[in-house]
């Protein structure tokens, strides 16, 4: 399992890269478009973005054991794009630092935590970490699609494009 640690570190960096590209596209939205209701979970691009940060904070606390548990009641949702972007950048930096310092032995552990409803859960740590990145990818994809609905053409954000971008910048 030690090979999983570099994979998660790569996912953390790819995650930050994809968020940077996505948020560059989100700057093109008017405040009305940003908060426009759609028939999606969390209602709008703003709602999806806040939910993603809330979930990242909750999962990072569970995975790292640092800080107080985050819940929908304790999460301070951003109401404007500038605040949201600052929160996203800060969270992405925390995620990269966590992944860079992850002890490979943790990947074989079971993670015991409470979900956002306070219900106790136990799952393999490595699968929770995989879920952590998958969850953000899922909601980022929703925001990406909604940008298309609003008439924008955001760039591809897939992991494979991150890898290509890294090779291109290294040469």
Protein backbone atom coordinates (compact mmCIF):
# COMPACT_ATOMS: atom_id res chain seq x y z
CA UNK A 1 0.00 0.00 0.00
CA UNK A 2 2.84 2.53 0.28
CA UNK A 3 2.43 3.35 -3.43
CA UNK A 4 -0.95 4.85 -2.58
CA UNK A 5 0.69 7.74 -0.72
CA UNK A 6 2.19 9.33 -3.88
CA UNK A 7 -1.10 8.71 -5.67
CA UNK A 8 -3.01 10.66 -3.01
CA UNK A 9 -0.39 13.44 -3.07
CA UNK A 10 -0.86 13.65 -6.85
CA UNK A 11 -4.63 13.72 -6.40
CA UNK A 12 -4.28 16.56 -3.89
CA UNK A 13 -2.24 18.61 -6.35
CA UNK A 14 -4.55 17.77 -9.25
CA UNK A 15 -7.48 18.76 -7.07
CA UNK A 16 -5.93 22.18 -6.36
CA UNK A 17 -5.08 22.62 -10.08
CA UNK A 18 -8.64 21.75 -11.16
CA UNK A 19 -10.12 24.10 -8.57
CA UNK A 20 -7.84 26.90 -9.74
CA UNK A 21 -9.03 26.43 -13.34
CA UNK A 22 -12.66 26.11 -12.30
CA UNK A 23 -12.57 29.20 -10.10
CA UNK A 24 -10.93 31.17 -12.94
CA UNK A 25 -14.04 30.32 -14.95
CA UNK A 26 -16.36 31.18 -12.08
CA UNK A 27 -14.96 34.74 -12.07
CA UNK A 28 -16.84 35.23 -15.35
CA UNK A 29 -20.21 34.80 -13.64
CA UNK A 30 -22.34 37.65 -12.42
CA UNK A 31 -23.43 37.43 -8.78
CA UNK A 32 -26.90 36.50 -10.06
CA UNK A 33 -25.55 33.64 -12.19
CA UNK A 34 -23.38 32.45 -9.31
CA UNK A 35 -26.40 32.15 -7.00
CA UNK A 36 -28.91 31.17 -9.72
CA UNK A 37 -31.04 28.23 -8.59
CA UNK A 38 -30.81 25.03 -10.61
CA UNK A 39 -32.41 21.65 -10.09
CA UNK A 40 -29.23 20.25 -8.53
CA UNK A 41 -28.35 19.30 -5.01
CA UNK A 42 -27.30 22.39 -3.00
CA UNK A 43 -29.27 24.53 -5.44
CA UNK A 44 -26.70 26.69 -7.18
CA UNK A 45 -23.04 26.96 -8.10
CA UNK A 46 -22.54 28.94 -4.89
CA UNK A 47 -24.33 26.22 -2.93
CA UNK A 48 -22.27 23.46 -4.53
CA UNK A 49 -19.02 25.33 -3.93
CA UNK A 50 -19.85 25.96 -0.26
CA UNK A 51 -20.91 22.33 0.21
CA UNK A 52 -17.64 21.12 -1.28
CA UNK A 53 -15.62 23.25 1.12
CA UNK A 54 -17.76 22.13 4.08
CA UNK A 55 -17.26 18.48 3.12
CA UNK A 56 -13.52 18.98 2.60
CA UNK A 57 -13.19 20.57 6.03
CA UNK A 58 -15.22 17.78 7.64
CA UNK A 59 -13.29 15.01 5.92
CA UNK A 60 -9.89 16.61 6.52
CA UNK A 61 -10.70 16.89 10.22
CA UNK A 62 -11.75 13.23 10.30
CA UNK A 63 -8.72 12.04 8.36
CA UNK A 64 -6.17 14.17 10.22
CA UNK A 65 -7.80 14.16 13.66
CA UNK A 66 -6.88 17.84 13.94
CA UNK A 67 -9.29 20.55 14.99
CA UNK A 68 -12.93 20.41 15.92
CA UNK A 69 -15.48 18.46 13.85
CA UNK A 70 -17.16 20.59 11.19
CA UNK A 71 -20.93 20.37 10.77
CA UNK A 72 -23.47 22.28 8.69
CA UNK A 73 -24.26 24.24 11.88
CA UNK A 74 -20.64 25.29 12.51
CA UNK A 75 -19.62 25.90 8.88
CA UNK A 76 -19.43 29.59 7.91
CA UNK A 77 -20.65 29.56 4.32
CA UNK A 78 -19.33 32.21 1.95
CA UNK A 79 -21.90 34.55 0.49
CA UNK A 80 -19.70 36.14 -2.17
CA UNK A 81 -17.18 34.85 -4.68
CA UNK A 82 -14.10 36.57 -3.23
CA UNK A 83 -14.62 34.98 0.19
CA UNK A 84 -15.40 31.61 -1.36
CA UNK A 85 -12.24 31.67 -3.49
CA UNK A 86 -10.09 32.49 -0.46
CA UNK A 87 -11.66 29.59 1.44
CA UNK A 88 -11.11 27.23 -1.51
CA UNK A 89 -7.44 28.19 -1.89
CA UNK A 90 -6.81 27.81 1.83
CA UNK A 91 -8.52 24.42 1.91
CA UNK A 92 -6.60 23.20 -1.13
CA UNK A 93 -3.31 24.19 0.52
CA UNK A 94 -4.33 22.23 3.65
CA UNK A 95 -5.25 19.20 1.52
CA UNK A 96 -1.89 19.22 -0.28
CA UNK A 97 -0.01 19.54 3.01
CA UNK A 98 -2.03 16.68 4.52
CA UNK A 99 -1.39 14.40 1.53
CA UNK A 100 2.31 15.28 1.45
CA UNK A 101 2.70 14.33 5.10
CA UNK A 102 0.46 11.28 5.12
CA UNK A 103 1.97 8.32 6.96
CA UNK A 104 1.59 5.29 4.64
CA UNK A 105 0.76 3.12 7.66
CA UNK A 106 -2.53 5.03 8.03
CA UNK A 107 -3.74 3.60 4.72
CA UNK A 108 -4.22 0.20 6.35
CA UNK A 109 -6.23 1.56 9.28
CA UNK A 110 -9.95 1.81 9.85
CA UNK A 111 -11.28 5.34 10.27
CA UNK A 112 -13.87 5.80 13.00
CA UNK A 113 -15.84 9.03 12.64
CA UNK A 114 -19.28 10.62 12.86
CA UNK A 115 -21.01 11.68 9.66
CA UNK A 116 -22.62 15.13 9.28
CA UNK A 117 -25.74 13.83 11.05
CA UNK A 118 -23.63 12.74 14.02
CA UNK A 119 -24.03 9.04 13.25
CA UNK A 120 -21.00 6.85 14.01
CA UNK A 121 -19.24 5.26 11.03
CA UNK A 122 -16.22 3.04 10.46
CA UNK A 123 -14.64 2.59 7.04
CA UNK A 124 -11.18 1.75 5.70
CA UNK A 125 -9.02 4.87 5.88
CA UNK A 126 -7.74 4.50 2.30
CA UNK A 127 -11.28 4.28 0.95
CA UNK A 128 -12.32 7.35 2.94
CA UNK A 129 -9.38 9.22 1.44
CA UNK A 130 -10.36 8.06 -2.04
CA UNK A 131 -13.93 9.21 -1.33
CA UNK A 132 -12.59 12.58 -0.19
CA UNK A 133 -11.11 13.24 -3.64
CA UNK A 134 -13.96 11.59 -5.54
CA UNK A 135 -16.55 13.72 -3.73
CA UNK A 136 -14.90 16.94 -4.77
CA UNK A 137 -14.48 15.70 -8.35
CA UNK A 138 -18.19 14.88 -8.49
CA UNK A 139 -19.34 18.32 -7.36
CA UNK A 140 -16.69 20.11 -9.41
CA UNK A 141 -18.17 18.28 -12.41
CA UNK A 142 -21.61 19.60 -11.53
CA UNK A 143 -20.29 23.16 -11.40
CA UNK A 144 -18.45 22.59 -14.68
CA UNK A 145 -21.69 21.42 -16.31
CA UNK A 146 -23.66 24.38 -14.95
CA UNK A 147 -21.08 26.72 -16.45
CA UNK A 148 -21.89 25.08 -19.79
CA UNK A 149 -25.62 25.58 -19.19
CA UNK A 150 -24.87 29.27 -18.61
CA UNK A 151 -23.05 29.48 -21.95
CA UNK A 152 -19.43 29.20 -20.83
CA UNK A 153 -16.85 26.66 -22.08
CA UNK A 154 -14.67 25.73 -19.11
CA UNK A 155 -11.49 23.73 -19.74
CA UNK A 156 -11.18 20.00 -19.09
CA UNK A 157 -10.38 19.30 -15.45
CA UNK A 158 -9.68 15.56 -15.56
CA UNK A 159 -6.72 14.08 -13.71
CA UNK A 160 -5.15 13.01 -17.00
CA UNK A 161 -5.09 16.66 -18.15
CA UNK A 162 -3.37 17.62 -14.91
CA UNK A 163 -0.68 15.04 -15.58
CA UNK A 164 -0.20 16.35 -19.13
CA UNK A 165 0.01 19.93 -17.83
CA UNK A 166 2.67 18.88 -15.31
CA UNK A 167 4.75 17.19 -18.02
CA UNK A 168 4.40 20.24 -20.27
CA UNK A 169 5.52 22.64 -17.51
CA UNK A 170 8.49 20.40 -16.65
CA UNK A 171 9.85 20.48 -20.21
